[in-house]
Amino acid sequence: MSQDSFWRAVCRWTPDWHDTIRYHAGPVSANSGGAWDNAKKLVESEGIEGYGKGSDVHASTIVGDTVGDPLKDTVGPSLDILIKIMAVISLIMVSVFGEYNLLDLFM
């Protein structure tokens, strides 16, 4: 394989790799943003004894919540679209699987 054809193959594969990372990063970002928000709420409700408002832990959760809010707010709408696309694809595939028995291909 020549070096030129190797890099062409890499360039063809790269968009698929980026899509895989995007599909993983969306739910992770949304969940981490929610976790930081819930941590701040837990500390503010004094659910952890000795750590309430005004403590260093509370200051840290405020920073975490500040970082987590944009993650939740920006990822949420994109996840809605991803879920709708996955639902449409699954409905299409159900009709394909209903028409063609894939087990017949292997027997």
PDB file of N, CA and C in Angstrom:
ATOM      1  N   MET A   1       0.850  -1.162   0.000  1.00  0.00           N
ATOM      2  CA  MET A   1       0.000   0.000   0.000  1.00  0.00           C
ATOM      3  C   MET A   1       0.903   1.235   0.000  1.00  0.00           C
ATOM      4  N   SER A   2       0.651   2.109  -0.925  1.00  0.00           N
ATOM      5  CA  SER A   2       1.460   3.319  -0.994  1.00  0.00           C
ATOM      6  C   SER A   2       1.025   4.301   0.094  1.00  0.00           C
ATOM      7  N   GLN A   3       1.883   5.253   0.367  1.00  0.00           N
ATOM      8  CA  GLN A   3       1.574   6.234   1.403  1.00  0.00           C
ATOM      9  C   GLN A   3       0.367   7.082   1.005  1.00  0.00           C
ATOM     10  N   ASP A   4       0.245   7.379  -0.278  1.00  0.00           N
ATOM     11  CA  ASP A   4      -0.875   8.188  -0.746  1.00  0.00           C
ATOM     12  C   ASP A   4      -2.204   7.460  -0.524  1.00  0.00           C
ATOM     13  N   SER A   5      -2.263   6.184  -0.859  1.00  0.00           N
ATOM     14  CA  SER A   5      -3.517   5.446  -0.679  1.00  0.00           C
ATOM     15  C   SER A   5      -3.821   5.232   0.802  1.00  0.00           C
ATOM     16  N   PHE A   6      -2.768   5.136   1.629  1.00  0.00           N
ATOM     17  CA  PHE A   6      -2.989   5.014   3.064  1.00  0.00           C
ATOM     18  C   PHE A   6      -3.711   6.253   3.606  1.00  0.00           C
ATOM     19  N   TRP A   7      -3.237   7.440   3.244  1.00  0.00           N
ATOM     20  CA  TRP A   7      -3.852   8.668   3.755  1.00  0.00           C
ATOM     21  C   TRP A   7      -5.241   8.890   3.174  1.00  0.00           C
ATOM     22  N   ARG A   8      -5.475   8.419   1.968  1.00  0.00           N
ATOM     23  CA  ARG A   8      -6.840   8.503   1.428  1.00  0.00           C
ATOM     24  C   ARG A   8      -7.785   7.632   2.235  1.00  0.00           C
ATOM     25  N   ALA A   9      -7.310   6.456   2.621  1.00  0.00           N
ATOM     26  CA  ALA A   9      -8.138   5.568   3.446  1.00  0.00           C
ATOM     27  C   ALA A   9      -8.398   6.194   4.812  1.00  0.00           C
ATOM     28  N   VAL A  10      -7.385   6.837   5.379  1.00  0.00           N
ATOM     29  CA  VAL A  10      -7.561   7.498   6.672  1.00  0.00           C
ATOM     30  C   VAL A  10      -8.587   8.624   6.553  1.00  0.00           C
ATOM     31  N   CYS A  11      -8.523   9.398   5.491  1.00  0.00           N
ATOM     32  CA  CYS A  11      -9.461  10.507   5.310  1.00  0.00           C
ATOM     33  C   CYS A  11     -10.890  10.006   5.098  1.00  0.00           C
ATOM     34  N   ARG A  12     -11.043   8.845   4.474  1.00  0.00           N
ATOM     35  CA  ARG A  12     -12.385   8.277   4.317  1.00  0.00           C
ATOM     36  C   ARG A  12     -12.924   7.777   5.650  1.00  0.00           C
ATOM     37  N   TRP A  13     -12.047   7.287   6.521  1.00  0.00           N
ATOM     38  CA  TRP A  13     -12.475   6.726   7.800  1.00  0.00           C
ATOM     39  C   TRP A  13     -12.728   7.798   8.847  1.00  0.00           C
ATOM     40  N   THR A  14     -12.057   8.926   8.758  1.00  0.00           N
ATOM     41  CA  THR A  14     -12.113   9.953   9.797  1.00  0.00           C
ATOM     42  C   THR A  14     -13.525  10.467  10.068  1.00  0.00           C
ATOM     43  N   PRO A  15     -14.369  10.775   9.092  1.00  0.00           N
ATOM     44  CA  PRO A  15     -15.715  11.254   9.439  1.00  0.00           C
ATOM     45  C   PRO A  15     -16.512  10.244  10.259  1.00  0.00           C
ATOM     46  N   ASP A  16     -16.363   8.955   9.981  1.00  0.00           N
ATOM     47  CA  ASP A  16     -17.068   7.953  10.775  1.00  0.00           C
ATOM     48  C   ASP A  16     -16.586   7.964  12.214  1.00  0.00           C
ATOM     49  N   TRP A  17     -15.283   8.133  12.404  1.00  0.00           N
ATOM     50  CA  TRP A  17     -14.702   8.171  13.743  1.00  0.00           C
ATOM     51  C   TRP A  17     -15.229   9.376  14.513  1.00  0.00           C
ATOM     52  N   HIS A  18     -15.313  10.517  13.845  1.00  0.00           N
ATOM     53  CA  HIS A  18     -15.824  11.715  14.506  1.00  0.00           C
ATOM     54  C   HIS A  18     -17.302  11.549  14.877  1.00  0.00           C
ATOM     55  N   ASP A  19     -18.078  10.893  14.039  1.00  0.00           N
ATOM     56  CA  ASP A  19     -19.485  10.661  14.370  1.00  0.00           C
ATOM     57  C   ASP A  19     -19.605   9.784  15.605  1.00  0.00           C
ATOM     58  N   THR A  20     -18.762   8.772  15.708  1.00  0.00           N
ATOM     59  CA  THR A  20     -18.795   7.897  16.871  1.00  0.00           C
ATOM     60  C   THR A  20     -18.494   8.673  18.142  1.00  0.00           C
ATOM     61  N   ILE A  21     -17.505   9.538  18.083  1.00  0.00           N
ATOM     62  CA  ILE A  21     -17.158  10.344  19.251  1.00  0.00           C
ATOM     63  C   ILE A  21     -18.310  11.282  19.614  1.00  0.00           C
ATOM     64  N   ARG A  22     -18.944  11.875  18.608  1.00  0.00           N
ATOM     65  CA  ARG A  22     -20.064  12.786  18.877  1.00  0.00           C
ATOM     66  C   ARG A  22     -21.223  12.065  19.547  1.00  0.00           C
ATOM     67  N   TYR A  23     -21.537  10.872  19.079  1.00  0.00           N
ATOM     68  CA  TYR A  23     -22.659  10.137  19.654  1.00  0.00           C
ATOM     69  C   TYR A  23     -22.370   9.754  21.103  1.00  0.00           C
ATOM     70  N   HIS A  24     -21.117   9.587  21.442  1.00  0.00           N
ATOM     71  CA  HIS A  24     -20.765   9.261  22.818  1.00  0.00           C
ATOM     72  C   HIS A  24     -20.677  10.517  23.679  1.00  0.00           C
ATOM     73  N   ALA A  25     -20.178  11.602  23.129  1.00  0.00           N
ATOM     74  CA  ALA A  25     -19.952  12.823  23.912  1.00  0.00           C
ATOM     75  C   ALA A  25     -21.258  13.500  24.310  1.00  0.00           C
ATOM     76  N   GLY A  26     -22.301  13.367  23.514  1.00  0.00           N
ATOM     77  CA  GLY A  26     -23.570  14.022  23.837  1.00  0.00           C
ATOM     78  C   GLY A  26     -24.179  13.546  25.141  1.00  0.00           C
ATOM     79  N   PRO A  27     -24.466  12.254  25.261  1.00  0.00           N
ATOM     80  CA  PRO A  27     -25.045  11.792  26.535  1.00  0.00           C
ATOM     81  C   PRO A  27     -24.108  11.981  27.720  1.00  0.00           C
ATOM     82  N   VAL A  28     -22.809  11.822  27.510  1.00  0.00           N
ATOM     83  CA  VAL A  28     -21.864  12.012  28.613  1.00  0.00           C
ATOM     84  C   VAL A  28     -21.901  13.465  29.086  1.00  0.00           C
ATOM     85  N   SER A  29     -21.937  14.405  28.164  1.00  0.00           N
ATOM     86  CA  SER A  29     -21.989  15.826  28.545  1.00  0.00           C
ATOM     87  C   SER A  29     -23.289  16.153  29.271  1.00  0.00           C
ATOM     88  N   ALA A  30     -24.379  15.638  28.784  1.00  0.00           N
ATOM     89  CA  ALA A  30     -25.662  15.917  29.431  1.00  0.00           C
ATOM     90  C   ALA A  30     -25.700  15.328  30.837  1.00  0.00           C
ATOM     91  N   ASN A  31     -25.209  14.106  30.993  1.00  0.00           N
ATOM     92  CA  ASN A  31     -25.230  13.479  32.316  1.00  0.00           C
ATOM     93  C   ASN A  31     -24.282  14.158  33.287  1.00  0.00           C
ATOM     94  N   SER A  32     -23.120  14.566  32.818  1.00  0.00           N
ATOM     95  CA  SER A  32     -22.176  15.224  33.730  1.00  0.00           C
ATOM     96  C   SER A  32     -22.694  16.593  34.145  1.00  0.00           C
ATOM     97  N   GLY A  33     -23.324  17.318  33.236  1.00  0.00           N
ATOM     98  CA  GLY A  33     -23.909  18.606  33.606  1.00  0.00           C
ATOM     99  C   GLY A  33     -25.002  18.447  34.643  1.00  0.00           C
ATOM    100  N   GLY A  34     -25.817  17.433  34.492  1.00  0.00           N
ATOM    101  CA  GLY A  34     -26.866  17.164  35.478  1.00  0.00           C
ATOM    102  C   GLY A  34     -26.297  16.730  36.819  1.00  0.00           C
ATOM    103  N   ALA A  35     -25.220  15.967  36.796  1.00  0.00           N
ATOM    104  CA  ALA A  35     -24.603  15.519  38.049  1.00  0.00           C
ATOM    105  C   ALA A  35     -24.035  16.698  38.827  1.00  0.00           C
ATOM    106  N   TRP A  36     -23.409  17.632  38.130  1.00  0.00           N
ATOM    107  CA  TRP A  36     -22.869  18.804  38.818  1.00  0.00           C
ATOM    108  C   TRP A  36     -23.990  19.657  39.410  1.00  0.00           C
ATOM    109  N   ASP A  37     -25.080  19.768  38.685  1.00  0.00           N
ATOM    110  CA  ASP A  37     -26.223  20.529  39.192  1.00  0.00           C
ATOM    111  C   ASP A  37     -26.803  19.854  40.432  1.00  0.00           C
ATOM    112  N   ASN A  38     -26.926  18.540  40.392  1.00  0.00           N
ATOM    113  CA  ASN A  38     -27.472  17.813  41.537  1.00  0.00           C
ATOM    114  C   ASN A  38     -26.535  17.870  42.737  1.00  0.00           C
ATOM    115  N   ALA A  39     -25.227  17.905  42.501  1.00  0.00           N
ATOM    116  CA  ALA A  39     -24.273  18.014  43.609  1.00  0.00           C
ATOM    117  C   ALA A  39     -24.444  19.349  44.324  1.00  0.00           C
ATOM    118  N   LYS A  40     -24.642  20.412  43.559  1.00  0.00           N
ATOM    119  CA  LYS A  40     -24.850  21.726  44.183  1.00  0.00           C
ATOM    120  C   LYS A  40     -26.143  21.745  44.994  1.00  0.00           C
ATOM    121  N   LYS A  41     -27.180  21.144  44.448  1.00  0.00           N
ATOM    122  CA  LYS A  41     -28.459  21.101  45.175  1.00  0.00           C
ATOM    123  C   LYS A  41     -28.329  20.294  46.463  1.00  0.00           C
ATOM    124  N   LEU A  42     -27.559  19.214  46.420  1.00  0.00           N
ATOM    125  CA  LEU A  42     -27.365  18.390  47.610  1.00  0.00           C
ATOM    126  C   LEU A  42     -26.628  19.163  48.696  1.00  0.00           C
ATOM    127  N   VAL A  43     -25.589  19.886  48.319  1.00  0.00           N
ATOM    128  CA  VAL A  43     -24.833  20.661  49.303  1.00  0.00           C
ATOM    129  C   VAL A  43     -25.689  21.806  49.843  1.00  0.00           C
ATOM    130  N   GLU A  44     -26.451  22.458  48.975  1.00  0.00           N
ATOM    131  CA  GLU A  44     -27.285  23.571  49.438  1.00  0.00           C
ATOM    132  C   GLU A  44     -28.407  23.121  50.361  1.00  0.00           C
ATOM    133  N   SER A  45     -28.886  21.912  50.184  1.00  0.00           N
ATOM    134  CA  SER A  45     -29.929  21.400  51.076  1.00  0.00           C
ATOM    135  C   SER A  45     -29.328  20.809  52.346  1.00  0.00           C
ATOM    136  N   GLU A  46     -27.997  20.934  52.484  1.00  0.00           N
ATOM    137  CA  GLU A  46     -27.249  20.419  53.622  1.00  0.00           C
ATOM    138  C   GLU A  46     -27.464  18.918  53.792  1.00  0.00           C
ATOM    139  N   GLY A  47     -27.486  18.212  52.645  1.00  0.00           N
ATOM    140  CA  GLY A  47     -27.600  16.759  52.657  1.00  0.00           C
ATOM    141  C   GLY A  47     -26.315  16.094  53.113  1.00  0.00           C
ATOM    142  N   ILE A  48     -25.216  16.826  53.094  1.00  0.00           N
ATOM    143  CA  ILE A  48     -23.939  16.312  53.590  1.00  0.00           C
ATOM    144  C   ILE A  48     -23.620  17.090  54.860  1.00  0.00           C
ATOM    145  N   GLU A  49     -23.566  16.413  55.961  1.00  0.00           N
ATOM    146  CA  GLU A  49     -23.399  17.070  57.252  1.00  0.00           C
ATOM    147  C   GLU A  49     -22.068  17.825  57.312  1.00  0.00           C
ATOM    148  N   GLY A  50     -22.139  19.064  57.719  1.00  0.00           N
ATOM    149  CA  GLY A  50     -20.949  19.882  57.878  1.00  0.00           C
ATOM    150  C   GLY A  50     -20.579  20.695  56.650  1.00  0.00           C
ATOM    151  N   TYR A  51     -21.214  20.421  55.532  1.00  0.00           N
ATOM    152  CA  TYR A  51     -20.915  21.164  54.304  1.00  0.00           C
ATOM    153  C   TYR A  51     -22.204  21.818  53.816  1.00  0.00           C
ATOM    154  N   GLY A  52     -22.349  23.085  54.102  1.00  0.00           N
ATOM    155  CA  GLY A  52     -23.528  23.817  53.667  1.00  0.00           C
ATOM    156  C   GLY A  52     -23.109  25.031  52.869  1.00  0.00           C
ATOM    157  N   LYS A  53     -24.022  25.954  52.755  1.00  0.00           N
ATOM    158  CA  LYS A  53     -23.716  27.192  52.041  1.00  0.00           C
ATOM    159  C   LYS A  53     -22.586  27.932  52.749  1.00  0.00           C
ATOM    160  N   GLY A  54     -21.684  28.487  51.940  1.00  0.00           N
ATOM    161  CA  GLY A  54     -20.556  29.227  52.482  1.00  0.00           C
ATOM    162  C   GLY A  54     -19.301  28.392  52.681  1.00  0.00           C
ATOM    163  N   SER A  55     -19.395  27.086  52.556  1.00  0.00           N
ATOM    164  CA  SER A  55     -18.205  26.239  52.743  1.00  0.00           C
ATOM    165  C   SER A  55     -17.412  26.158  51.439  1.00  0.00           C
ATOM    166  N   ASP A  56     -16.202  25.629  51.550  1.00  0.00           N
ATOM    167  CA  ASP A  56     -15.375  25.445  50.351  1.00  0.00           C
ATOM    168  C   ASP A  56     -16.012  24.454  49.380  1.00  0.00           C
ATOM    169  N   VAL A  57     -16.667  23.451  49.928  1.00  0.00           N
ATOM    170  CA  VAL A  57     -17.339  22.470  49.065  1.00  0.00           C
ATOM    171  C   VAL A  57     -18.456  23.150  48.281  1.00  0.00           C
ATOM    172  N   HIS A  58     -19.190  24.042  48.932  1.00  0.00           N
ATOM    173  CA  HIS A  58     -20.257  24.753  48.242  1.00  0.00           C
ATOM    174  C   HIS A  58     -19.696  25.625  47.124  1.00  0.00           C
ATOM    175  N   ALA A  59     -18.564  26.285  47.389  1.00  0.00           N
ATOM    176  CA  ALA A  59     -17.935  27.100  46.345  1.00  0.00           C
ATOM    177  C   ALA A  59     -17.511  26.239  45.158  1.00  0.00           C
ATOM    178  N   SER A  60     -17.020  25.039  45.453  1.00  0.00           N
ATOM    179  CA  SER A  60     -16.625  24.136  44.363  1.00  0.00           C
ATOM    180  C   SER A  60     -17.822  23.661  43.556  1.00  0.00           C
ATOM    181  N   THR A  61     -18.938  23.397  44.233  1.00  0.00           N
ATOM    182  CA  THR A  61     -20.120  22.948  43.488  1.00  0.00           C
ATOM    183  C   THR A  61     -20.709  24.074  42.654  1.00  0.00           C
ATOM    184  N   ILE A  62     -20.538  25.314  43.084  1.00  0.00           N
ATOM    185  CA  ILE A  62     -21.004  26.437  42.267  1.00  0.00           C
ATOM    186  C   ILE A  62     -20.193  26.510  40.973  1.00  0.00           C
ATOM    187  N   VAL A  63     -18.884  26.308  41.081  1.00  0.00           N
ATOM    188  CA  VAL A  63     -18.044  26.281  39.879  1.00  0.00           C
ATOM    189  C   VAL A  63     -18.470  25.132  38.969  1.00  0.00           C
ATOM    190  N   GLY A  64     -18.683  23.956  39.555  1.00  0.00           N
ATOM    191  CA  GLY A  64     -19.119  22.808  38.762  1.00  0.00           C
ATOM    192  C   GLY A  64     -20.457  23.045  38.094  1.00  0.00           C
ATOM    193  N   ASP A  65     -21.381  23.684  38.801  1.00  0.00           N
ATOM    194  CA  ASP A  65     -22.688  23.981  38.222  1.00  0.00           C
ATOM    195  C   ASP A  65     -22.569  24.997  37.101  1.00  0.00           C
ATOM    196  N   THR A  66     -21.661  25.956  37.252  1.00  0.00           N
ATOM    197  CA  THR A  66     -21.439  26.950  36.194  1.00  0.00           C
ATOM    198  C   THR A  66     -20.915  26.277  34.926  1.00  0.00           C
ATOM    199  N   VAL A  67     -20.073  25.279  35.085  1.00  0.00           N
ATOM    200  CA  VAL A  67     -19.562  24.539  33.928  1.00  0.00           C
ATOM    201  C   VAL A  67     -20.635  23.599  33.378  1.00  0.00           C
ATOM    202  N   GLY A  68     -21.420  23.004  34.267  1.00  0.00           N
ATOM    203  CA  GLY A  68     -22.389  21.996  33.847  1.00  0.00           C
ATOM    204  C   GLY A  68     -23.628  22.545  33.176  1.00  0.00           C
ATOM    205  N   ASP A  69     -24.041  23.748  33.522  1.00  0.00           N
ATOM    206  CA  ASP A  69     -25.254  24.310  32.913  1.00  0.00           C
ATOM    207  C   ASP A  69     -25.158  24.449  31.399  1.00  0.00           C
ATOM    208  N   PRO A  70     -24.077  24.998  30.853  1.00  0.00           N
ATOM    209  CA  PRO A  70     -23.998  25.051  29.390  1.00  0.00           C
ATOM    210  C   PRO A  70     -23.972  23.662  28.737  1.00  0.00           C
ATOM    211  N   LEU A  71     -23.376  22.698  29.421  1.00  0.00           N
ATOM    212  CA  LEU A  71     -23.372  21.344  28.855  1.00  0.00           C
ATOM    213  C   LEU A  71     -24.791  20.810  28.724  1.00  0.00           C
ATOM    214  N   LYS A  72     -25.569  20.944  29.798  1.00  0.00           N
ATOM    215  CA  LYS A  72     -26.949  20.456  29.745  1.00  0.00           C
ATOM    216  C   LYS A  72     -27.776  21.210  28.713  1.00  0.00           C
ATOM    217  N   ASP A  73     -27.630  22.527  28.699  1.00  0.00           N
ATOM    218  CA  ASP A  73     -28.490  23.357  27.862  1.00  0.00           C
ATOM    219  C   ASP A  73     -28.188  23.218  26.370  1.00  0.00           C
ATOM    220  N   THR A  74     -26.936  22.976  26.017  1.00  0.00           N
ATOM    221  CA  THR A  74     -26.604  22.880  24.597  1.00  0.00           C
ATOM    222  C   THR A  74     -26.728  21.463  24.060  1.00  0.00           C
ATOM    223  N   VAL A  75     -26.532  20.476  24.904  1.00  0.00           N
ATOM    224  CA  VAL A  75     -26.579  19.092  24.429  1.00  0.00           C
ATOM    225  C   VAL A  75     -28.016  18.585  24.341  1.00  0.00           C
ATOM    226  N   GLY A  76     -28.887  19.084  25.187  1.00  0.00           N
ATOM    227  CA  GLY A  76     -30.264  18.599  25.220  1.00  0.00           C
ATOM    228  C   GLY A  76     -30.975  18.629  23.876  1.00  0.00           C
ATOM    229  N   PRO A  77     -31.006  19.765  23.182  1.00  0.00           N
ATOM    230  CA  PRO A  77     -31.688  19.791  21.882  1.00  0.00           C
ATOM    231  C   PRO A  77     -31.064  18.861  20.842  1.00  0.00           C
ATOM    232  N   SER A  78     -29.749  18.721  20.865  1.00  0.00           N
ATOM    233  CA  SER A  78     -29.124  17.830  19.878  1.00  0.00           C
ATOM    234  C   SER A  78     -29.440  16.372  20.181  1.00  0.00           C
ATOM    235  N   LEU A  79     -29.579  16.028  21.462  1.00  0.00           N
ATOM    236  CA  LEU A  79     -29.945  14.647  21.794  1.00  0.00           C
ATOM    237  C   LEU A  79     -31.373  14.343  21.354  1.00  0.00           C
ATOM    238  N   ASP A  80     -32.259  15.330  21.413  1.00  0.00           N
ATOM    239  CA  ASP A  80     -33.623  15.112  20.942  1.00  0.00           C
ATOM    240  C   ASP A  80     -33.638  14.721  19.471  1.00  0.00           C
ATOM    241  N   ILE A  81     -32.847  15.405  18.677  1.00  0.00           N
ATOM    242  CA  ILE A  81     -32.775  15.088  17.249  1.00  0.00           C
ATOM    243  C   ILE A  81     -32.186  13.704  17.038  1.00  0.00           C
ATOM    244  N   LEU A  82     -31.145  13.370  17.785  1.00  0.00           N
ATOM    245  CA  LEU A  82     -30.527  12.051  17.659  1.00  0.00           C
ATOM    246  C   LEU A  82     -31.519  10.946  18.004  1.00  0.00           C
ATOM    247  N   ILE A  83     -32.298  11.145  19.045  1.00  0.00           N
ATOM    248  CA  ILE A  83     -33.282  10.133  19.443  1.00  0.00           C
ATOM    249  C   ILE A  83     -34.356   9.974  18.366  1.00  0.00           C
ATOM    250  N   LYS A  84     -34.794  11.074  17.763  1.00  0.00           N
ATOM    251  CA  LYS A  84     -35.805  10.984  16.703  1.00  0.00           C
ATOM    252  C   LYS A  84     -35.257  10.260  15.476  1.00  0.00           C
ATOM    253  N   ILE A  85     -34.006  10.557  15.113  1.00  0.00           N
ATOM    254  CA  ILE A  85     -33.405   9.880  13.966  1.00  0.00           C
ATOM    255  C   ILE A  85     -33.274   8.389  14.231  1.00  0.00           C
ATOM    256  N   MET A  86     -32.864   8.032  15.435  1.00  0.00           N
ATOM    257  CA  MET A  86     -32.729   6.617  15.768  1.00  0.00           C
ATOM    258  C   MET A  86     -34.087   5.913  15.743  1.00  0.00           C
ATOM    259  N   ALA A  87     -35.145   6.611  16.160  1.00  0.00           N
ATOM    260  CA  ALA A  87     -36.479   6.021  16.133  1.00  0.00           C
ATOM    261  C   ALA A  87     -36.945   5.778  14.701  1.00  0.00           C
ATOM    262  N   VAL A  88     -36.691   6.739  13.819  1.00  0.00           N
ATOM    263  CA  VAL A  88     -37.088   6.578  12.420  1.00  0.00           C
ATOM    264  C   VAL A  88     -36.313   5.429  11.777  1.00  0.00           C
ATOM    265  N   ILE A  89     -35.018   5.363  12.031  1.00  0.00           N
ATOM    266  CA  ILE A  89     -34.209   4.280  11.452  1.00  0.00           C
ATOM    267  C   ILE A  89     -34.681   2.933  11.969  1.00  0.00           C
ATOM    268  N   SER A  90     -35.017   2.848  13.255  1.00  0.00           N
ATOM    269  CA  SER A  90     -35.486   1.563  13.781  1.00  0.00           C
ATOM    270  C   SER A  90     -36.817   1.162  13.155  1.00  0.00           C
ATOM    271  N   LEU A  91     -37.705   2.122  12.891  1.00  0.00           N
ATOM    272  CA  LEU A  91     -38.968   1.779  12.234  1.00  0.00           C
ATOM    273  C   LEU A  91     -38.741   1.289  10.812  1.00  0.00           C
ATOM    274  N   ILE A  92     -37.805   1.904  10.122  1.00  0.00           N
ATOM    275  CA  ILE A  92     -37.483   1.455   8.770  1.00  0.00           C
ATOM    276  C   ILE A  92     -36.894   0.046   8.809  1.00  0.00           C
ATOM    277  N   MET A  93     -36.006  -0.196   9.759  1.00  0.00           N
ATOM    278  CA  MET A  93     -35.367  -1.513   9.830  1.00  0.00           C
ATOM    279  C   MET A  93     -36.358  -2.606  10.217  1.00  0.00           C
ATOM    280  N   VAL A  94     -37.373  -2.264  11.011  1.00  0.00           N
ATOM    281  CA  VAL A  94     -38.398  -3.260  11.349  1.00  0.00           C
ATOM    282  C   VAL A  94     -39.100  -3.728  10.088  1.00  0.00           C
ATOM    283  N   SER A  95     -39.405  -2.816   9.188  1.00  0.00           N
ATOM    284  CA  SER A  95     -40.070  -3.226   7.955  1.00  0.00           C
ATOM    285  C   SER A  95     -39.134  -4.049   7.076  1.00  0.00           C
ATOM    286  N   VAL A  96     -37.851  -3.729   7.084  1.00  0.00           N
ATOM    287  CA  VAL A  96     -36.884  -4.523   6.305  1.00  0.00           C
ATOM    288  C   VAL A  96     -36.772  -5.919   6.897  1.00  0.00           C
ATOM    289  N   PHE A  97     -36.655  -6.021   8.223  1.00  0.00           N
ATOM    290  CA  PHE A  97     -36.542  -7.332   8.858  1.00  0.00           C
ATOM    291  C   PHE A  97     -37.827  -8.131   8.722  1.00  0.00           C
ATOM    292  N   GLY A  98     -38.965  -7.449   8.663  1.00  0.00           N
ATOM    293  CA  GLY A  98     -40.228  -8.161   8.463  1.00  0.00           C
ATOM    294  C   GLY A  98     -40.358  -8.725   7.060  1.00  0.00           C
ATOM    295  N   GLU A  99     -39.762  -8.052   6.085  1.00  0.00           N
ATOM    296  CA  GLU A  99     -39.838  -8.501   4.693  1.00  0.00           C
ATOM    297  C   GLU A  99     -38.842  -9.614   4.388  1.00  0.00           C
ATOM    298  N   TYR A 100     -37.658  -9.490   4.947  1.00  0.00           N
ATOM    299  CA  TYR A 100     -36.585 -10.440   4.652  1.00  0.00           C
ATOM    300  C   TYR A 100     -36.146 -11.130   5.922  1.00  0.00           C
ATOM    301  N   ASN A 101     -36.130 -12.431   5.911  1.00  0.00           N
ATOM    302  CA  ASN A 101     -35.661 -13.208   7.046  1.00  0.00           C
ATOM    303  C   ASN A 101     -34.148 -13.366   6.914  1.00  0.00           C
ATOM    304  N   LEU A 102     -33.408 -12.737   7.780  1.00  0.00           N
ATOM    305  CA  LEU A 102     -31.956 -12.777   7.686  1.00  0.00           C
ATOM    306  C   LEU A 102     -31.373 -14.152   7.987  1.00  0.00           C
ATOM    307  N   LEU A 103     -32.105 -14.977   8.709  1.00  0.00           N
ATOM    308  CA  LEU A 103     -31.604 -16.325   8.993  1.00  0.00           C
ATOM    309  C   LEU A 103     -31.541 -17.183   7.739  1.00  0.00           C
ATOM    310  N   ASP A 104     -32.371 -16.869   6.741  1.00  0.00           N
ATOM    311  CA  ASP A 104     -32.348 -17.633   5.492  1.00  0.00           C
ATOM    312  C   ASP A 104     -31.034 -17.417   4.737  1.00  0.00           C
ATOM    313  N   LEU A 105     -30.375 -16.307   4.972  1.00  0.00           N
ATOM    314  CA  LEU A 105     -29.111 -16.059   4.291  1.00  0.00           C
ATOM    315  C   LEU A 105     -28.002 -16.983   4.774  1.00  0.00           C
ATOM    316  N   PHE A 106     -28.113 -17.462   6.001  1.00  0.00           N
ATOM    317  CA  PHE A 106     -27.057 -18.284   6.587  1.00  0.00           C
ATOM    318  C   PHE A 106     -27.371 -19.765   6.545  1.00  0.00           C
ATOM    319  N   MET A 107     -28.524 -20.152   6.104  1.00  0.00           N
ATOM    320  CA  MET A 107     -28.884 -21.571   6.079  1.00  0.00           C
ATOM    321  C   MET A 107     -28.990 -22.086   4.671  1.00  0.00           C
TER     322      MET A 107
END
